Amino acid sequence: MKKLKTLLIVGILLFVGKTMTAQTIDGKPIDEIDAHYVVIKGATKALSPNFNIQILIGQAPEFLKPSKETEVKDENGKEIEFNSITNALNFMAEHGYRLVDAYAASKDGSRTVHHYILSKKE
């Protein structure tokens, strides 16, 4: 009985430790996203040095306005803000993705939105 309790406690601690250290997108730990390709969309924020960043894993995007589904959150559920596209690309590289292609597009001649297509490293 004592061994069973110890085993149960160790199992719970391992599970809690894994879930507490995971950054998430749309509630899914980044390392467990089942998507071969993801897209990072970014545009500068008005009157700010930071960027509006969306990381799309298959959910519907909103133009220039991050939604809760595209936010990257830390282990405490707080949004991670990126100070540049390079910062976001490096973040995703640390989680097993590599850059495949990039392009820029603008809507109605307004702000330019940069798109970065990444694939999961084999």
PDB file of N, CA and C in Angstrom:
ATOM      1  N   MET A   1       0.828  -1.198   0.000  1.00  0.00           N
ATOM      2  CA  MET A   1       0.000   0.000   0.000  1.00  0.00           C
ATOM      3  C   MET A   1       0.869   1.258   0.000  1.00  0.00           C
ATOM      4  N   LYS A   2       1.941   1.219   0.790  1.00  0.00           N
ATOM      5  CA  LYS A   2       2.840   2.373   0.875  1.00  0.00           C
ATOM      6  C   LYS A   2       3.530   2.615  -0.476  1.00  0.00           C
ATOM      7  N   LYS A   3       3.909   1.526  -1.160  1.00  0.00           N
ATOM      8  CA  LYS A   3       4.543   1.658  -2.475  1.00  0.00           C
ATOM      9  C   LYS A   3       3.568   2.240  -3.492  1.00  0.00           C
ATOM     10  N   LEU A   4       2.322   1.830  -3.391  1.00  0.00           N
ATOM     11  CA  LEU A   4       1.311   2.349  -4.309  1.00  0.00           C
ATOM     12  C   LEU A   4       1.110   3.849  -4.105  1.00  0.00           C
ATOM     13  N   LYS A   5       1.075   4.295  -2.851  1.00  0.00           N
ATOM     14  CA  LYS A   5       0.947   5.727  -2.553  1.00  0.00           C
ATOM     15  C   LYS A   5       2.131   6.503  -3.114  1.00  0.00           C
ATOM     16  N   THR A   6       3.333   5.965  -2.883  1.00  0.00           N
ATOM     17  CA  THR A   6       4.545   6.623  -3.360  1.00  0.00           C
ATOM     18  C   THR A   6       4.532   6.717  -4.886  1.00  0.00           C
ATOM     19  N   LEU A   7       4.156   5.644  -5.547  1.00  0.00           N
ATOM     20  CA  LEU A   7       4.085   5.614  -7.001  1.00  0.00           C
ATOM     21  C   LEU A   7       3.052   6.619  -7.517  1.00  0.00           C
ATOM     22  N   LEU A   8       1.910   6.705  -6.863  1.00  0.00           N
ATOM     23  CA  LEU A   8       0.872   7.647  -7.247  1.00  0.00           C
ATOM     24  C   LEU A   8       1.352   9.090  -7.091  1.00  0.00           C
ATOM     25  N   ILE A   9       2.011   9.393  -5.995  1.00  0.00           N
ATOM     26  CA  ILE A   9       2.519  10.741  -5.749  1.00  0.00           C
ATOM     27  C   ILE A   9       3.570  11.117  -6.784  1.00  0.00           C
ATOM     28  N   VAL A  10       4.483  10.207  -7.086  1.00  0.00           N
ATOM     29  CA  VAL A  10       5.512  10.472  -8.097  1.00  0.00           C
ATOM     30  C   VAL A  10       4.860  10.719  -9.458  1.00  0.00           C
ATOM     31  N   GLY A  11       3.865   9.923  -9.812  1.00  0.00           N
ATOM     32  CA  GLY A  11       3.157  10.104 -11.082  1.00  0.00           C
ATOM     33  C   GLY A  11       2.481  11.456 -11.171  1.00  0.00           C
ATOM     34  N   ILE A  12       1.834  11.862 -10.102  1.00  0.00           N
ATOM     35  CA  ILE A  12       1.167  13.166 -10.078  1.00  0.00           C
ATOM     36  C   ILE A  12       2.185  14.286 -10.211  1.00  0.00           C
ATOM     37  N   LEU A  13       3.296  14.194  -9.493  1.00  0.00           N
ATOM     38  CA  LEU A  13       4.329  15.226  -9.562  1.00  0.00           C
ATOM     39  C   LEU A  13       4.926  15.335 -10.959  1.00  0.00           C
ATOM     40  N   LEU A  14       5.149  14.201 -11.608  1.00  0.00           N
ATOM     41  CA  LEU A  14       5.678  14.228 -12.971  1.00  0.00           C
ATOM     42  C   LEU A  14       4.684  14.884 -13.926  1.00  0.00           C
ATOM     43  N   PHE A  15       3.403  14.538 -13.786  1.00  0.00           N
ATOM     44  CA  PHE A  15       2.374  15.126 -14.647  1.00  0.00           C
ATOM     45  C   PHE A  15       2.263  16.627 -14.417  1.00  0.00           C
ATOM     46  N   VAL A  16       2.201  17.049 -13.177  1.00  0.00           N
ATOM     47  CA  VAL A  16       2.085  18.466 -12.849  1.00  0.00           C
ATOM     48  C   VAL A  16       3.330  19.214 -13.318  1.00  0.00           C
ATOM     49  N   GLY A  17       4.500  18.645 -13.109  1.00  0.00           N
ATOM     50  CA  GLY A  17       5.737  19.290 -13.553  1.00  0.00           C
ATOM     51  C   GLY A  17       5.776  19.491 -15.045  1.00  0.00           C
ATOM     52  N   LYS A  18       5.304  18.513 -15.797  1.00  0.00           N
ATOM     53  CA  LYS A  18       5.286  18.631 -17.261  1.00  0.00           C
ATOM     54  C   LYS A  18       4.301  19.691 -17.715  1.00  0.00           C
ATOM     55  N   THR A  19       3.114  19.734 -17.147  1.00  0.00           N
ATOM     56  CA  THR A  19       2.116  20.688 -17.593  1.00  0.00           C
ATOM     57  C   THR A  19       2.428  22.100 -17.131  1.00  0.00           C
ATOM     58  N   MET A  20       3.130  22.269 -16.044  1.00  0.00           N
ATOM     59  CA  MET A  20       3.418  23.607 -15.541  1.00  0.00           C
ATOM     60  C   MET A  20       4.540  24.295 -16.315  1.00  0.00           C
ATOM     61  N   THR A  21       5.379  23.543 -16.997  1.00  0.00           N
ATOM     62  CA  THR A  21       6.501  24.154 -17.705  1.00  0.00           C
ATOM     63  C   THR A  21       6.232  24.341 -19.190  1.00  0.00           C
ATOM     64  N   ALA A  22       5.032  24.036 -19.648  1.00  0.00           N
ATOM     65  CA  ALA A  22       4.744  24.074 -21.071  1.00  0.00           C
ATOM     66  C   ALA A  22       4.172  25.414 -21.510  1.00  0.00           C
ATOM     67  N   GLN A  23       4.784  26.005 -22.544  1.00  0.00           N
ATOM     68  CA  GLN A  23       4.188  27.160 -23.188  1.00  0.00           C
ATOM     69  C   GLN A  23       3.106  26.625 -24.122  1.00  0.00           C
ATOM     70  N   THR A  24       2.042  27.389 -24.294  1.00  0.00           N
ATOM     71  CA  THR A  24       0.912  26.890 -25.067  1.00  0.00           C
ATOM     72  C   THR A  24       0.480  27.855 -26.169  1.00  0.00           C
ATOM     73  N   ILE A  25      -0.155  27.273 -27.175  1.00  0.00           N
ATOM     74  CA  ILE A  25      -0.863  28.018 -28.218  1.00  0.00           C
ATOM     75  C   ILE A  25      -2.236  27.370 -28.309  1.00  0.00           C
ATOM     76  N   ASP A  26      -3.272  28.164 -28.190  1.00  0.00           N
ATOM     77  CA  ASP A  26      -4.645  27.664 -28.229  1.00  0.00           C
ATOM     78  C   ASP A  26      -4.853  26.558 -27.191  1.00  0.00           C
ATOM     79  N   GLY A  27      -4.190  26.714 -26.041  1.00  0.00           N
ATOM     80  CA  GLY A  27      -4.341  25.759 -24.947  1.00  0.00           C
ATOM     81  C   GLY A  27      -3.546  24.472 -25.106  1.00  0.00           C
ATOM     82  N   LYS A  28      -2.801  24.338 -26.196  1.00  0.00           N
ATOM     83  CA  LYS A  28      -2.024  23.116 -26.436  1.00  0.00           C
ATOM     84  C   LYS A  28      -0.551  23.392 -26.172  1.00  0.00           C
ATOM     85  N   PRO A  29       0.137  22.511 -25.428  1.00  0.00           N
ATOM     86  CA  PRO A  29       1.587  22.698 -25.260  1.00  0.00           C
ATOM     87  C   PRO A  29       2.273  22.716 -26.630  1.00  0.00           C
ATOM     88  N   ILE A  30       3.156  23.669 -26.828  1.00  0.00           N
ATOM     89  CA  ILE A  30       3.811  23.843 -28.132  1.00  0.00           C
ATOM     90  C   ILE A  30       4.499  22.562 -28.592  1.00  0.00           C
ATOM     91  N   ASP A  31       5.154  21.878 -27.679  1.00  0.00           N
ATOM     92  CA  ASP A  31       5.877  20.662 -28.056  1.00  0.00           C
ATOM     93  C   ASP A  31       4.951  19.512 -28.428  1.00  0.00           C
ATOM     94  N   GLU A  32       3.644  19.659 -28.164  1.00  0.00           N
ATOM     95  CA  GLU A  32       2.682  18.598 -28.468  1.00  0.00           C
ATOM     96  C   GLU A  32       1.719  18.979 -29.593  1.00  0.00           C
ATOM     97  N   ILE A  33       1.979  20.109 -30.265  1.00  0.00           N
ATOM     98  CA  ILE A  33       1.107  20.532 -31.363  1.00  0.00           C
ATOM     99  C   ILE A  33       1.233  19.528 -32.499  1.00  0.00           C
ATOM    100  N   ASP A  34       0.082  19.047 -32.966  1.00  0.00           N
ATOM    101  CA  ASP A  34       0.067  18.055 -34.036  1.00  0.00           C
ATOM    102  C   ASP A  34      -0.136  18.759 -35.378  1.00  0.00           C
ATOM    103  N   ALA A  35       0.828  19.600 -35.744  1.00  0.00           N
ATOM    104  CA  ALA A  35       0.770  20.319 -37.017  1.00  0.00           C
ATOM    105  C   ALA A  35       2.168  20.318 -37.613  1.00  0.00           C
ATOM    106  N   HIS A  36       2.282  19.844 -38.837  1.00  0.00           N
ATOM    107  CA  HIS A  36       3.596  19.825 -39.482  1.00  0.00           C
ATOM    108  C   HIS A  36       4.035  21.239 -39.842  1.00  0.00           C
ATOM    109  N   TYR A  37       3.078  22.088 -40.240  1.00  0.00           N
ATOM    110  CA  TYR A  37       3.382  23.471 -40.589  1.00  0.00           C
ATOM    111  C   TYR A  37       2.646  24.430 -39.652  1.00  0.00           C
ATOM    112  N   VAL A  38       3.294  25.542 -39.340  1.00  0.00           N
ATOM    113  CA  VAL A  38       2.664  26.636 -38.611  1.00  0.00           C
ATOM    114  C   VAL A  38       3.046  27.931 -39.322  1.00  0.00           C
ATOM    115  N   VAL A  39       2.268  28.972 -39.085  1.00  0.00           N
ATOM    116  CA  VAL A  39       2.536  30.276 -39.687  1.00  0.00           C
ATOM    117  C   VAL A  39       2.628  31.305 -38.576  1.00  0.00           C
ATOM    118  N   ILE A  40       3.692  32.105 -38.621  1.00  0.00           N
ATOM    119  CA  ILE A  40       3.803  33.258 -37.734  1.00  0.00           C
ATOM    120  C   ILE A  40       3.424  34.474 -38.563  1.00  0.00           C
ATOM    121  N   LYS A  41       2.431  35.227 -38.089  1.00  0.00           N
ATOM    122  CA  LYS A  41       2.052  36.486 -38.728  1.00  0.00           C
ATOM    123  C   LYS A  41       2.425  37.600 -37.776  1.00  0.00           C
ATOM    124  N   GLY A  42       3.042  38.645 -38.302  1.00  0.00           N
ATOM    125  CA  GLY A  42       3.442  39.737 -37.430  1.00  0.00           C
ATOM    126  C   GLY A  42       3.332  41.088 -38.093  1.00  0.00           C
ATOM    127  N   ALA A  43       2.943  42.071 -37.303  1.00  0.00           N
ATOM    128  CA  ALA A  43       2.885  43.469 -37.741  1.00  0.00           C
ATOM    129  C   ALA A  43       3.213  44.325 -36.531  1.00  0.00           C
ATOM    130  N   THR A  44       3.770  45.492 -36.770  1.00  0.00           N
ATOM    131  CA  THR A  44       4.114  46.369 -35.649  1.00  0.00           C
ATOM    132  C   THR A  44       2.851  46.865 -34.960  1.00  0.00           C
ATOM    133  N   LYS A  45       2.940  47.018 -33.645  1.00  0.00           N
ATOM    134  CA  LYS A  45       1.839  47.595 -32.874  1.00  0.00           C
ATOM    135  C   LYS A  45       1.908  49.107 -33.008  1.00  0.00           C
ATOM    136  N   ALA A  46       0.777  49.742 -33.016  1.00  0.00           N
ATOM    137  CA  ALA A  46       0.734  51.200 -33.087  1.00  0.00           C
ATOM    138  C   ALA A  46       1.353  51.786 -31.817  1.00  0.00           C
ATOM    139  N   LEU A  47       2.276  52.717 -31.986  1.00  0.00           N
ATOM    140  CA  LEU A  47       2.926  53.421 -30.875  1.00  0.00           C
ATOM    141  C   LEU A  47       3.611  52.490 -29.881  1.00  0.00           C
ATOM    142  N   SER A  48       4.199  51.404 -30.380  1.00  0.00           N
ATOM    143  CA  SER A  48       4.870  50.439 -29.505  1.00  0.00           C
ATOM    144  C   SER A  48       6.046  49.808 -30.240  1.00  0.00           C
ATOM    145  N   PRO A  49       7.105  49.474 -29.506  1.00  0.00           N
ATOM    146  CA  PRO A  49       8.222  48.777 -30.148  1.00  0.00           C
ATOM    147  C   PRO A  49       7.940  47.287 -30.357  1.00  0.00           C
ATOM    148  N   ASN A  50       6.890  46.770 -29.722  1.00  0.00           N
ATOM    149  CA  ASN A  50       6.562  45.351 -29.842  1.00  0.00           C
ATOM    150  C   ASN A  50       5.721  45.070 -31.081  1.00  0.00           C
ATOM    151  N   PHE A  51       5.499  43.800 -31.345  1.00  0.00           N
ATOM    152  CA  PHE A  51       4.770  43.350 -32.513  1.00  0.00           C
ATOM    153  C   PHE A  51       3.487  42.651 -32.104  1.00  0.00           C
ATOM    154  N   ASN A  52       2.467  42.763 -32.959  1.00  0.00           N
ATOM    155  CA  ASN A  52       1.310  41.873 -32.854  1.00  0.00           C
ATOM    156  C   ASN A  52       1.752  40.589 -33.534  1.00  0.00           C
ATOM    157  N   ILE A  53       1.796  39.519 -32.789  1.00  0.00           N
ATOM    158  CA  ILE A  53       2.242  38.233 -33.314  1.00  0.00           C
ATOM    159  C   ILE A  53       1.095  37.241 -33.200  1.00  0.00           C
ATOM    160  N   GLN A  54       0.832  36.535 -34.269  1.00  0.00           N
ATOM    161  CA  GLN A  54      -0.109  35.422 -34.263  1.00  0.00           C
ATOM    162  C   GLN A  54       0.661  34.180 -34.679  1.00  0.00           C
ATOM    163  N   ILE A  55       0.451  33.102 -33.978  1.00  0.00           N
ATOM    164  CA  ILE A  55       1.024  31.827 -34.401  1.00  0.00           C
ATOM    165  C   ILE A  55      -0.157  30.928 -34.721  1.00  0.00           C
ATOM    166  N   LEU A  56      -0.272  30.613 -35.999  1.00  0.00           N
ATOM    167  CA  LEU A  56      -1.415  29.855 -36.492  1.00  0.00           C
ATOM    168  C   LEU A  56      -1.051  28.387 -36.637  1.00  0.00           C
ATOM    169  N   ILE A  57      -1.865  27.541 -36.015  1.00  0.00           N
ATOM    170  CA  ILE A  57      -1.646  26.094 -36.088  1.00  0.00           C
ATOM    171  C   ILE A  57      -2.845  25.401 -36.732  1.00  0.00           C
ATOM    172  N   GLY A  58      -3.704  26.201 -37.374  1.00  0.00           N
ATOM    173  CA  GLY A  58      -4.890  25.654 -38.021  1.00  0.00           C
ATOM    174  C   GLY A  58      -6.158  26.384 -37.609  1.00  0.00           C
ATOM    175  N   GLN A  59      -6.064  27.236 -36.597  1.00  0.00           N
ATOM    176  CA  GLN A  59      -7.240  27.996 -36.181  1.00  0.00           C
ATOM    177  C   GLN A  59      -7.449  29.187 -37.118  1.00  0.00           C
ATOM    178  N   ALA A  60      -8.639  29.767 -37.129  1.00  0.00           N
ATOM    179  CA  ALA A  60      -8.963  30.887 -38.011  1.00  0.00           C
ATOM    180  C   ALA A  60      -8.267  32.159 -37.538  1.00  0.00           C
ATOM    181  N   PRO A  61      -7.504  32.829 -38.417  1.00  0.00           N
ATOM    182  CA  PRO A  61      -6.805  34.054 -38.015  1.00  0.00           C
ATOM    183  C   PRO A  61      -7.706  35.275 -38.047  1.00  0.00           C
ATOM    184  N   GLU A  62      -7.341  36.268 -37.270  1.00  0.00           N
ATOM    185  CA  GLU A  62      -7.983  37.576 -37.336  1.00  0.00           C
ATOM    186  C   GLU A  62      -6.921  38.542 -37.829  1.00  0.00           C
ATOM    187  N   PHE A  63      -7.237  39.333 -38.822  1.00  0.00           N
ATOM    188  CA  PHE A  63      -6.251  40.220 -39.440  1.00  0.00           C
ATOM    189  C   PHE A  63      -5.752  41.260 -38.448  1.00  0.00           C
ATOM    190  N   LEU A  64      -4.458  41.281 -38.201  1.00  0.00           N
ATOM    191  CA  LEU A  64      -3.752  42.263 -37.372  1.00  0.00           C
ATOM    192  C   LEU A  64      -4.194  42.317 -35.915  1.00  0.00           C
ATOM    193  N   LYS A  65      -5.092  41.449 -35.510  1.00  0.00           N
ATOM    194  CA  LYS A  65      -5.580  41.515 -34.135  1.00  0.00           C
ATOM    195  C   LYS A  65      -5.465  40.123 -33.520  1.00  0.00           C
ATOM    196  N   PRO A  66      -4.465  39.908 -32.681  1.00  0.00           N
ATOM    197  CA  PRO A  66      -4.319  38.577 -32.091  1.00  0.00           C
ATOM    198  C   PRO A  66      -5.566  38.178 -31.315  1.00  0.00           C
ATOM    199  N   SER A  67      -5.926  36.930 -31.439  1.00  0.00           N
ATOM    200  CA  SER A  67      -7.041  36.409 -30.665  1.00  0.00           C
ATOM    201  C   SER A  67      -6.474  35.487 -29.592  1.00  0.00           C
ATOM    202  N   LYS A  68      -7.307  35.090 -28.674  1.00  0.00           N
ATOM    203  CA  LYS A  68      -6.871  34.209 -27.581  1.00  0.00           C
ATOM    204  C   LYS A  68      -6.317  32.891 -28.130  1.00  0.00           C
ATOM    205  N   GLU A  69      -6.838  32.437 -29.277  1.00  0.00           N
ATOM    206  CA  GLU A  69      -6.396  31.157 -29.845  1.00  0.00           C
ATOM    207  C   GLU A  69      -4.996  31.222 -30.434  1.00  0.00           C
ATOM    208  N   THR A  70      -4.520  32.426 -30.809  1.00  0.00           N
ATOM    209  CA  THR A  70      -3.211  32.532 -31.450  1.00  0.00           C
ATOM    210  C   THR A  70      -2.138  33.073 -30.516  1.00  0.00           C
ATOM    211  N   GLU A  71      -2.499  33.375 -29.267  1.00  0.00           N
ATOM    212  CA  GLU A  71      -1.523  33.880 -28.301  1.00  0.00           C
ATOM    213  C   GLU A  71      -0.633  32.738 -27.809  1.00  0.00           C
ATOM    214  N   VAL A  72       0.626  33.070 -27.582  1.00  0.00           N
ATOM    215  CA  VAL A  72       1.537  32.129 -26.940  1.00  0.00           C
ATOM    216  C   VAL A  72       1.535  32.481 -25.463  1.00  0.00           C
ATOM    217  N   LYS A  73       1.286  31.485 -24.626  1.00  0.00           N
ATOM    218  CA  LYS A  73       1.222  31.732 -23.187  1.00  0.00           C
ATOM    219  C   LYS A  73       2.315  30.951 -22.469  1.00  0.00           C
ATOM    220  N   ASP A  74       2.783  31.522 -21.370  1.00  0.00           N
ATOM    221  CA  ASP A  74       3.807  30.847 -20.578  1.00  0.00           C
ATOM    222  C   ASP A  74       3.158  29.830 -19.640  1.00  0.00           C
ATOM    223  N   GLU A  75       3.986  29.218 -18.799  1.00  0.00           N
ATOM    224  CA  GLU A  75       3.498  28.170 -17.906  1.00  0.00           C
ATOM    225  C   GLU A  75       2.481  28.675 -16.886  1.00  0.00           C
ATOM    226  N   ASN A  76       2.388  29.987 -16.696  1.00  0.00           N
ATOM    227  CA  ASN A  76       1.413  30.577 -15.767  1.00  0.00           C
ATOM    228  C   ASN A  76       0.165  31.083 -16.484  1.00  0.00           C
ATOM    229  N   GLY A  77       0.077  30.860 -17.805  1.00  0.00           N
ATOM    230  CA  GLY A  77      -1.082  31.296 -18.565  1.00  0.00           C
ATOM    231  C   GLY A  77      -1.025  32.749 -19.004  1.00  0.00           C
ATOM    232  N   LYS A  78       0.129  33.410 -18.807  1.00  0.00           N
ATOM    233  CA  LYS A  78       0.291  34.807 -19.189  1.00  0.00           C
ATOM    234  C   LYS A  78       0.821  34.870 -20.625  1.00  0.00           C
ATOM    235  N   GLU A  79       0.290  35.828 -21.408  1.00  0.00           N
ATOM    236  CA  GLU A  79       0.721  35.977 -22.791  1.00  0.00           C
ATOM    237  C   GLU A  79       2.207  36.327 -22.861  1.00  0.00           C
ATOM    238  N   ILE A  80       2.922  35.656 -23.758  1.00  0.00           N
ATOM    239  CA  ILE A  80       4.322  35.967 -24.019  1.00  0.00           C
ATOM    240  C   ILE A  80       4.351  37.021 -25.117  1.00  0.00           C
ATOM    241  N   GLU A  81       4.976  38.159 -24.850  1.00  0.00           N
ATOM    242  CA  GLU A  81       5.084  39.214 -25.854  1.00  0.00           C
ATOM    243  C   GLU A  81       6.449  39.124 -26.518  1.00  0.00           C
ATOM    244  N   PHE A  82       6.458  39.223 -27.839  1.00  0.00           N
ATOM    245  CA  PHE A  82       7.696  39.175 -28.600  1.00  0.00           C
ATOM    246  C   PHE A  82       8.074  40.596 -28.996  1.00  0.00           C
ATOM    247  N   ASN A  83       9.371  40.929 -28.855  1.00  0.00           N
ATOM    248  CA  ASN A  83       9.797  42.284 -29.219  1.00  0.00           C
ATOM    249  C   ASN A  83      10.228  42.382 -30.681  1.00  0.00           C
ATOM    250  N   SER A  84      10.237  41.252 -31.383  1.00  0.00           N
ATOM    251  CA  SER A  84      10.559  41.251 -32.807  1.00  0.00           C
ATOM    252  C   SER A  84      10.128  39.931 -33.422  1.00  0.00           C
ATOM    253  N   ILE A  85      10.072  39.927 -34.734  1.00  0.00           N
ATOM    254  CA  ILE A  85       9.774  38.683 -35.453  1.00  0.00           C
ATOM    255  C   ILE A  85      10.890  37.673 -35.193  1.00  0.00           C
ATOM    256  N   THR A  86      12.123  38.154 -35.160  1.00  0.00           N
ATOM    257  CA  THR A  86      13.262  37.266 -34.907  1.00  0.00           C
ATOM    258  C   THR A  86      13.112  36.577 -33.561  1.00  0.00           C
ATOM    259  N   ASN A  87      12.634  37.305 -32.571  1.00  0.00           N
ATOM    260  CA  ASN A  87      12.391  36.735 -31.252  1.00  0.00           C
ATOM    261  C   ASN A  87      11.372  35.589 -31.341  1.00  0.00           C
ATOM    262  N   ALA A  88      10.306  35.786 -32.098  1.00  0.00           N
ATOM    263  CA  ALA A  88       9.284  34.746 -32.267  1.00  0.00           C
ATOM    264  C   ALA A  88       9.838  33.548 -33.048  1.00  0.00           C
ATOM    265  N   LEU A  89      10.625  33.814 -34.091  1.00  0.00           N
ATOM    266  CA  LEU A  89      11.229  32.723 -34.867  1.00  0.00           C
ATOM    267  C   LEU A  89      12.185  31.902 -34.019  1.00  0.00           C
ATOM    268  N   ASN A  90      13.004  32.567 -33.218  1.00  0.00           N
ATOM    269  CA  ASN A  90      13.924  31.845 -32.330  1.00  0.00           C
ATOM    270  C   ASN A  90      13.166  31.015 -31.297  1.00  0.00           C
ATOM    271  N   PHE A  91      12.076  31.562 -30.798  1.00  0.00           N
ATOM    272  CA  PHE A  91      11.239  30.847 -29.836  1.00  0.00           C
ATOM    273  C   PHE A  91      10.717  29.547 -30.452  1.00  0.00           C
ATOM    274  N   MET A  92      10.196  29.642 -31.676  1.00  0.00           N
ATOM    275  CA  MET A  92       9.667  28.443 -32.327  1.00  0.00           C
ATOM    276  C   MET A  92      10.786  27.469 -32.700  1.00  0.00           C
ATOM    277  N   ALA A  93      11.964  27.969 -33.056  1.00  0.00           N
ATOM    278  CA  ALA A  93      13.105  27.093 -33.353  1.00  0.00           C
ATOM    279  C   ALA A  93      13.488  26.277 -32.118  1.00  0.00           C
ATOM    280  N   GLU A  94      13.403  26.908 -30.953  1.00  0.00           N
ATOM    281  CA  GLU A  94      13.687  26.193 -29.701  1.00  0.00           C
ATOM    282  C   GLU A  94      12.678  25.082 -29.446  1.00  0.00           C
ATOM    283  N   HIS A  95      11.525  25.169 -30.088  1.00  0.00           N
ATOM    284  CA  HIS A  95      10.475  24.162 -29.911  1.00  0.00           C
ATOM    285  C   HIS A  95      10.365  23.227 -31.113  1.00  0.00           C
ATOM    286  N   GLY A  96      11.420  23.157 -31.932  1.00  0.00           N
ATOM    287  CA  GLY A  96      11.484  22.150 -32.982  1.00  0.00           C
ATOM    288  C   GLY A  96      10.970  22.551 -34.353  1.00  0.00           C
ATOM    289  N   TYR A  97      10.861  23.847 -34.646  1.00  0.00           N
ATOM    290  CA  TYR A  97      10.402  24.296 -35.954  1.00  0.00           C
ATOM    291  C   TYR A  97      11.518  25.012 -36.693  1.00  0.00           C
ATOM    292  N   ARG A  98      11.467  24.969 -38.037  1.00  0.00           N
ATOM    293  CA  ARG A  98      12.453  25.674 -38.856  1.00  0.00           C
ATOM    294  C   ARG A  98      11.726  26.495 -39.907  1.00  0.00           C
ATOM    295  N   LEU A  99      12.363  27.594 -40.310  1.00  0.00           N
ATOM    296  CA  LEU A  99      11.784  28.496 -41.299  1.00  0.00           C
ATOM    297  C   LEU A  99      11.836  27.860 -42.683  1.00  0.00           C
ATOM    298  N   VAL A 100      10.703  27.905 -43.400  1.00  0.00           N
ATOM    299  CA  VAL A 100      10.608  27.361 -44.750  1.00  0.00           C
ATOM    300  C   VAL A 100      10.517  28.488 -45.772  1.00  0.00           C
ATOM    301  N   ASP A 101       9.674  29.481 -45.491  1.00  0.00           N
ATOM    302  CA  ASP A 101       9.453  30.559 -46.446  1.00  0.00           C
ATOM    303  C   ASP A 101       8.930  31.782 -45.699  1.00  0.00           C
ATOM    304  N   ALA A 102       9.048  32.942 -46.331  1.00  0.00           N
ATOM    305  CA  ALA A 102       8.545  34.184 -45.747  1.00  0.00           C
ATOM    306  C   ALA A 102       8.061  35.091 -46.867  1.00  0.00           C
ATOM    307  N   TYR A 103       7.015  35.856 -46.571  1.00  0.00           N
ATOM    308  CA  TYR A 103       6.522  36.849 -47.523  1.00  0.00           C
ATOM    309  C   TYR A 103       5.791  37.941 -46.764  1.00  0.00           C
ATOM    310  N   ALA A 104       5.605  39.075 -47.418  1.00  0.00           N
ATOM    311  CA  ALA A 104       4.902  40.201 -46.805  1.00  0.00           C
ATOM    312  C   ALA A 104       3.681  40.529 -47.649  1.00  0.00           C
ATOM    313  N   ALA A 105       2.628  40.977 -46.984  1.00  0.00           N
ATOM    314  CA  ALA A 105       1.403  41.376 -47.673  1.00  0.00           C
ATOM    315  C   ALA A 105       0.792  42.549 -46.929  1.00  0.00           C
ATOM    316  N   SER A 106       0.088  43.390 -47.670  1.00  0.00           N
ATOM    317  CA  SER A 106      -0.617  44.498 -47.013  1.00  0.00           C
ATOM    318  C   SER A 106      -2.073  44.467 -47.438  1.00  0.00           C
ATOM    319  N   LYS A 107      -2.915  44.974 -46.567  1.00  0.00           N
ATOM    320  CA  LYS A 107      -4.344  45.010 -46.855  1.00  0.00           C
ATOM    321  C   LYS A 107      -4.733  46.463 -47.110  1.00  0.00           C
ATOM    322  N   ASP A 108      -5.255  46.726 -48.279  1.00  0.00           N
ATOM    323  CA  ASP A 108      -5.698  48.077 -48.655  1.00  0.00           C
ATOM    324  C   ASP A 108      -4.586  49.109 -48.517  1.00  0.00           C
ATOM    325  N   GLY A 109      -3.343  48.723 -48.746  1.00  0.00           N
ATOM    326  CA  GLY A 109      -2.228  49.651 -48.667  1.00  0.00           C
ATOM    327  C   GLY A 109      -1.895  50.112 -47.261  1.00  0.00           C
ATOM    328  N   SER A 110      -2.473  49.467 -46.267  1.00  0.00           N
ATOM    329  CA  SER A 110      -2.190  49.862 -44.884  1.00  0.00           C
ATOM    330  C   SER A 110      -0.965  49.101 -44.370  1.00  0.00           C
ATOM    331  N   ARG A 111      -0.915  48.840 -43.099  1.00  0.00           N
ATOM    332  CA  ARG A 111       0.256  48.182 -42.512  1.00  0.00           C
ATOM    333  C   ARG A 111       0.595  46.869 -43.211  1.00  0.00           C
ATOM    334  N   THR A 112       1.887  46.628 -43.290  1.00  0.00           N
ATOM    335  CA  THR A 112       2.369  45.389 -43.884  1.00  0.00           C
ATOM    336  C   THR A 112       2.357  44.292 -42.832  1.00  0.00           C
ATOM    337  N   VAL A 113       1.865  43.131 -43.233  1.00  0.00           N
ATOM    338  CA  VAL A 113       1.849  41.961 -42.352  1.00  0.00           C
ATOM    339  C   VAL A 113       2.844  40.957 -42.918  1.00  0.00           C
ATOM    340  N   HIS A 114       3.773  40.529 -42.093  1.00  0.00           N
ATOM    341  CA  HIS A 114       4.790  39.568 -42.494  1.00  0.00           C
ATOM    342  C   HIS A 114       4.322  38.162 -42.114  1.00  0.00           C
ATOM    343  N   HIS A 115       4.528  37.234 -43.032  1.00  0.00           N
ATOM    344  CA  HIS A 115       4.131  35.840 -42.825  1.00  0.00           C
ATOM    345  C   HIS A 115       5.383  34.968 -42.881  1.00  0.00           C
ATOM    346  N   TYR A 116       5.534  34.108 -41.924  1.00  0.00           N
ATOM    347  CA  TYR A 116       6.673  33.191 -41.863  1.00  0.00           C
ATOM    348  C   TYR A 116       6.122  31.778 -41.743  1.00  0.00           C
ATOM    349  N   ILE A 117       6.436  30.957 -42.726  1.00  0.00           N
ATOM    350  CA  ILE A 117       5.961  29.574 -42.730  1.00  0.00           C
ATOM    351  C   ILE A 117       7.064  28.704 -42.139  1.00  0.00           C
ATOM    352  N   LEU A 118       6.712  27.938 -41.124  1.00  0.00           N
ATOM    353  CA  LEU A 118       7.677  27.063 -40.456  1.00  0.00           C
ATOM    354  C   LEU A 118       7.196  25.631 -40.541  1.00  0.00           C
ATOM    355  N   SER A 119       8.138  24.702 -40.542  1.00  0.00           N
ATOM    356  CA  SER A 119       7.778  23.290 -40.505  1.00  0.00           C
ATOM    357  C   SER A 119       8.493  22.651 -39.311  1.00  0.00           C
ATOM    358  N   LYS A 120       7.862  21.584 -38.848  1.00  0.00           N
ATOM    359  CA  LYS A 120       8.431  20.845 -37.723  1.00  0.00           C
ATOM    360  C   LYS A 120       9.664  20.097 -38.212  1.00  0.00           C
ATOM    361  N   LYS A 121      10.763  20.200 -37.453  1.00  0.00           N
ATOM    362  CA  LYS A 121      11.988  19.491 -37.828  1.00  0.00           C
ATOM    363  C   LYS A 121      11.768  18.008 -37.703  1.00  0.00           C
ATOM    364  N   GLU A 122      12.320  17.285 -38.654  1.00  0.00           N
ATOM    365  CA  GLU A 122      12.181  15.805 -38.643  1.00  0.00           C
ATOM    366  C   GLU A 122      13.079  15.191 -37.611  1.00  0.00           C
TER     367      GLU A 122
END
